[in-house]
C-alpha atoms as a PDB file:
ATOM      1  CA  UNK A   1      -0.079   0.148   0.232  1.00  0.00           C
ATOM      2  CA  UNK A   2       1.669   3.343  -0.967  1.00  0.00           C
ATOM      3  CA  UNK A   3       1.343   6.499   1.174  1.00  0.00           C
ATOM      4  CA  UNK A   4      -1.212   8.119  -1.421  1.00  0.00           C
ATOM      5  CA  UNK A   5      -3.448   5.614  -1.518  1.00  0.00           C
ATOM      6  CA  UNK A   6      -6.427   5.258   1.456  1.00  0.00           C
ATOM      7  CA  UNK A   7      -6.459   2.496   3.506  1.00  0.00           C
ATOM      8  CA  UNK A   8      -9.239  -0.475   2.545  1.00  0.00           C
ATOM      9  CA  UNK A   9     -11.007  -1.691   5.927  1.00  0.00           C
ATOM     10  CA  UNK A  10     -13.469  -4.373   5.999  1.00  0.00           C
ATOM     11  CA  UNK A  11     -16.236  -3.978   8.659  1.00  0.00           C
ATOM     12  CA  UNK A  12     -18.029  -7.170   9.666  1.00  0.00           C
ATOM     13  CA  UNK A  13     -21.231  -5.926  11.870  1.00  0.00           C
ATOM     14  CA  UNK A  14     -24.819  -7.574  11.754  1.00  0.00           C
ATOM     15  CA  UNK A  15     -26.906  -4.136  13.844  1.00  0.00           C
ATOM     16  CA  UNK A  16     -27.545  -1.517  11.252  1.00  0.00           C
ATOM     17  CA  UNK A  17     -27.216   1.376  13.079  1.00  0.00           C
ATOM     18  CA  UNK A  18     -23.989   0.868  14.147  1.00  0.00           C
ATOM     19  CA  UNK A  19     -23.076  -0.690  10.626  1.00  0.00           C
ATOM     20  CA  UNK A  20     -24.344   3.062   9.837  1.00  0.00           C
ATOM     21  CA  UNK A  21     -22.188   4.678  12.829  1.00  0.00           C
ATOM     22  CA  UNK A  22     -19.210   2.957  11.400  1.00  0.00           C
ATOM     23  CA  UNK A  23     -19.840   3.979   7.477  1.00  0.00           C
ATOM     24  CA  UNK A  24     -20.074   7.483   9.222  1.00  0.00           C
ATOM     25  CA  UNK A  25     -17.254   7.318  11.647  1.00  0.00           C
ATOM     26  CA  UNK A  26     -13.919   6.152   9.362  1.00  0.00           C
ATOM     27  CA  UNK A  27     -15.394   7.458   5.114  1.00  0.00           C
ATOM     28  CA  UNK A  28     -12.914  10.597   5.982  1.00  0.00           C
ATOM     29  CA  UNK A  29      -9.946   8.384   7.015  1.00  0.00           C
ATOM     30  CA  UNK A  30     -10.624   4.977   5.047  1.00  0.00           C
ATOM     31  CA  UNK A  31     -12.572   3.361   2.647  1.00  0.00           C
ATOM     32  CA  UNK A  32     -14.622   1.575   4.286  1.00  0.00           C
ATOM     33  CA  UNK A  33     -17.202  -1.843   3.112  1.00  0.00           C
ATOM     34  CA  UNK A  34     -19.568  -2.430   6.055  1.00  0.00           C
ATOM     35  CA  UNK A  35     -21.069  -6.395   5.387  1.00  0.00           C
ATOM     36  CA  UNK A  36     -23.263  -8.168   7.691  1.00  0.00           C
ATOM     37  CA  UNK A  37     -22.157 -10.942   8.389  1.00  0.00           C
ATOM     38  CA  UNK A  38     -20.202 -13.714   7.925  1.00  0.00           C
ATOM     39  CA  UNK A  39     -21.046 -14.840   4.493  1.00  0.00           C
ATOM     40  CA  UNK A  40     -20.717 -11.441   3.242  1.00  0.00           C
ATOM     41  CA  UNK A  41     -17.045 -11.003   4.945  1.00  0.00           C
ATOM     42  CA  UNK A  42     -16.282 -13.842   3.216  1.00  0.00           C
ATOM     43  CA  UNK A  43     -17.478 -12.977  -0.394  1.00  0.00           C
ATOM     44  CA  UNK A  44     -15.952  -9.028  -0.028  1.00  0.00           C
ATOM     45  CA  UNK A  45     -12.714 -10.815   0.897  1.00  0.00           C
ATOM     46  CA  UNK A  46     -13.385 -12.405  -2.832  1.00  0.00           C
ATOM     47  CA  UNK A  47     -13.596  -9.401  -4.327  1.00  0.00           C
ATOM     48  CA  UNK A  48     -11.514  -7.159  -2.821  1.00  0.00           C
ATOM     49  CA  UNK A  49      -8.453  -6.546  -1.067  1.00  0.00           C
ATOM     50  CA  UNK A  50      -8.030  -5.158   2.247  1.00  0.00           C
ATOM     51  CA  UNK A  51      -5.844  -3.238   4.886  1.00  0.00           C
ATOM     52  CA  UNK A  52      -7.495  -4.140   7.954  1.00  0.00           C
ATOM     53  CA  UNK A  53     -10.685  -5.926   9.845  1.00  0.00           C
ATOM     54  CA  UNK A  54     -12.973  -4.213  12.058  1.00  0.00           C
ATOM     55  CA  UNK A  55     -14.777  -7.580  13.321  1.00  0.00           C
ATOM     56  CA  UNK A  56     -17.640  -7.511  15.238  1.00  0.00           C
ATOM     57  CA  UNK A  57     -17.491 -10.345  17.974  1.00  0.00           C
ATOM     58  CA  UNK A  58     -21.632 -11.145  17.862  1.00  0.00           C
ATOM     59  CA  UNK A  59     -22.274 -11.444  14.764  1.00  0.00           C
ATOM     60  CA  UNK A  60     -24.712 -14.678  15.160  1.00  0.00           C
ATOM     61  CA  UNK A  61     -25.987 -17.508  17.270  1.00  0.00           C
ATOM     62  CA  UNK A  62     -24.099 -19.789  15.173  1.00  0.00           C
ATOM     63  CA  UNK A  63     -20.939 -17.608  14.321  1.00  0.00           C
ATOM     64  CA  UNK A  64     -18.589 -14.982  15.893  1.00  0.00           C
ATOM     65  CA  UNK A  65     -15.943 -12.638  14.767  1.00  0.00           C
ATOM     66  CA  UNK A  66     -13.572 -14.561  16.042  1.00  0.00           C
ATOM     67  CA  UNK A  67     -14.981 -17.553  14.423  1.00  0.00           C
ATOM     68  CA  UNK A  68     -15.102 -15.137  10.821  1.00  0.00           C
ATOM     69  CA  UNK A  69     -11.201 -14.581  11.724  1.00  0.00           C
ATOM     70  CA  UNK A  70      -9.797 -18.273  11.885  1.00  0.00           C
ATOM     71  CA  UNK A  71     -11.837 -18.868   8.480  1.00  0.00           C
ATOM     72  CA  UNK A  72     -10.155 -15.427   6.877  1.00  0.00           C
ATOM     73  CA  UNK A  73      -7.127 -16.215   8.543  1.00  0.00           C
ATOM     74  CA  UNK A  74      -6.840 -19.816   6.544  1.00  0.00           C
ATOM     75  CA  UNK A  75      -6.673 -17.988   3.992  1.00  0.00           C
ATOM     76  CA  UNK A  76      -3.280 -17.264   2.160  1.00  0.00           C
ATOM     77  CA  UNK A  77      -3.802 -13.659   1.105  1.00  0.00           C
ATOM     78  CA  UNK A  78      -6.289 -12.801   4.434  1.00  0.00           C
ATOM     79  CA  UNK A  79      -3.144 -14.447   6.929  1.00  0.00           C
ATOM     80  CA  UNK A  80      -1.472 -11.552   7.743  1.00  0.00           C
ATOM     81  CA  UNK A  81      -4.353  -8.852   7.888  1.00  0.00           C
ATOM     82  CA  UNK A  82      -4.521  -6.978  10.975  1.00  0.00           C
ATOM     83  CA  UNK A  83      -7.760  -7.078  12.752  1.00  0.00           C
ATOM     84  CA  UNK A  84      -9.473  -4.944  14.939  1.00  0.00           C
ATOM     85  CA  UNK A  85     -12.507  -7.083  17.843  1.00  0.00           C
ATOM     86  CA  UNK A  86     -15.399  -4.543  18.342  1.00  0.00           C
ATOM     87  CA  UNK A  87     -17.242  -5.978  21.230  1.00  0.00           C
ATOM     88  CA  UNK A  88     -19.134  -5.343  24.338  1.00  0.00           C
ATOM     89  CA  UNK A  89     -17.326  -7.621  25.693  1.00  0.00           C
ATOM     90  CA  UNK A  90     -15.790  -5.265  28.493  1.00  0.00           C
ATOM     91  CA  UNK A  91     -14.433  -7.032  31.878  1.00  0.00           C
ATOM     92  CA  UNK A  92     -11.078  -7.488  33.107  1.00  0.00           C
ATOM     93  CA  UNK A  93      -9.482  -9.839  30.902  1.00  0.00           C
ATOM     94  CA  UNK A  94     -11.802 -10.105  27.892  1.00  0.00           C
ATOM     95  CA  UNK A  95      -9.043  -7.824  25.892  1.00  0.00           C
ATOM     96  CA  UNK A  96      -6.332 -10.340  26.446  1.00  0.00           C
ATOM     97  CA  UNK A  97      -8.585 -13.162  25.430  1.00  0.00           C
ATOM     98  CA  UNK A  98      -9.309 -11.875  22.236  1.00  0.00           C
ATOM     99  CA  UNK A  99      -5.440 -10.646  21.934  1.00  0.00           C
ATOM    100  CA  UNK A 100      -4.765 -14.589  22.369  1.00  0.00           C
ATOM    101  CA  UNK A 101      -7.444 -15.919  19.771  1.00  0.00           C
ATOM    102  CA  UNK A 102      -5.220 -13.631  17.254  1.00  0.00           C
ATOM    103  CA  UNK A 103      -6.769 -10.023  17.318  1.00  0.00           C
ATOM    104  CA  UNK A 104      -4.397  -6.983  16.805  1.00  0.00           C
ATOM    105  CA  UNK A 105      -6.326  -4.539  18.675  1.00  0.00           C
ATOM    106  CA  UNK A 106      -9.232  -4.598  20.877  1.00  0.00           C
ATOM    107  CA  UNK A 107     -11.986  -1.957  21.426  1.00  0.00           C
ATOM    108  CA  UNK A 108     -15.269  -1.901  23.287  1.00  0.00           C
ATOM    109  CA  UNK A 109     -18.637  -0.536  22.482  1.00  0.00           C
ATOM    110  CA  UNK A 110     -19.832   1.639  22.636  1.00  0.00           C
ATOM    111  CA  UNK A 111     -17.117   4.015  21.026  1.00  0.00           C
ATOM    112  CA  UNK A 112     -15.973   7.295  19.522  1.00  0.00           C
ATOM    113  CA  UNK A 113     -14.337   7.761  16.333  1.00  0.00           C
ATOM    114  CA  UNK A 114     -10.982   8.515  17.807  1.00  0.00           C
ATOM    115  CA  UNK A 115     -10.696   4.901  19.671  1.00  0.00           C
ATOM    116  CA  UNK A 116     -11.479   4.210  16.084  1.00  0.00           C
ATOM    117  CA  UNK A 117      -8.809   5.311  14.388  1.00  0.00           C
ATOM    118  CA  UNK A 118      -6.431   5.115  17.152  1.00  0.00           C
ATOM    119  CA  UNK A 119      -6.853   1.051  16.401  1.00  0.00           C
ATOM    120  CA  UNK A 120      -6.965   1.225  13.271  1.00  0.00           C
ATOM    121  CA  UNK A 121      -4.025   2.935  12.998  1.00  0.00           C
ATOM    122  CA  UNK A 122      -2.098   1.415  15.412  1.00  0.00           C
ATOM    123  CA  UNK A 123      -2.844  -1.873  13.056  1.00  0.00           C
ATOM    124  CA  UNK A 124      -1.947  -0.264  10.319  1.00  0.00           C
ATOM    125  CA  UNK A 125       1.618   1.119  11.752  1.00  0.00           C
ATOM    126  CA  UNK A 126       4.923  -0.809  10.190  1.00  0.00           C
ATOM    127  CA  UNK A 127       6.053  -3.423  12.453  1.00  0.00           C
END
């Protein structure tokens, strides 16, 4: 990704109000693609490359954001794309659990634009 390119973020969120909020908060800084669930996310990564993933944890009864992360990590082209857990889980130890599960960053709900932007920029920073 060159410095002139706007980073493309895949945001996976099942709540329509939160989808709109994510789009609104991120559209000035990033190219954001918002999808409602696991299947739509898998289709999106077939069609586009992404610089970072923003995954809601409670997506459905069947599959979580953590499940989606593991599915994406199995793909060669997605193995190194940084992922941010977006969740209402904010108890002591939750952050560590998500980082251990393979996420690079963690943002708890409710969040601000600054919270999201900082987490995304931290994941995109050269290691």
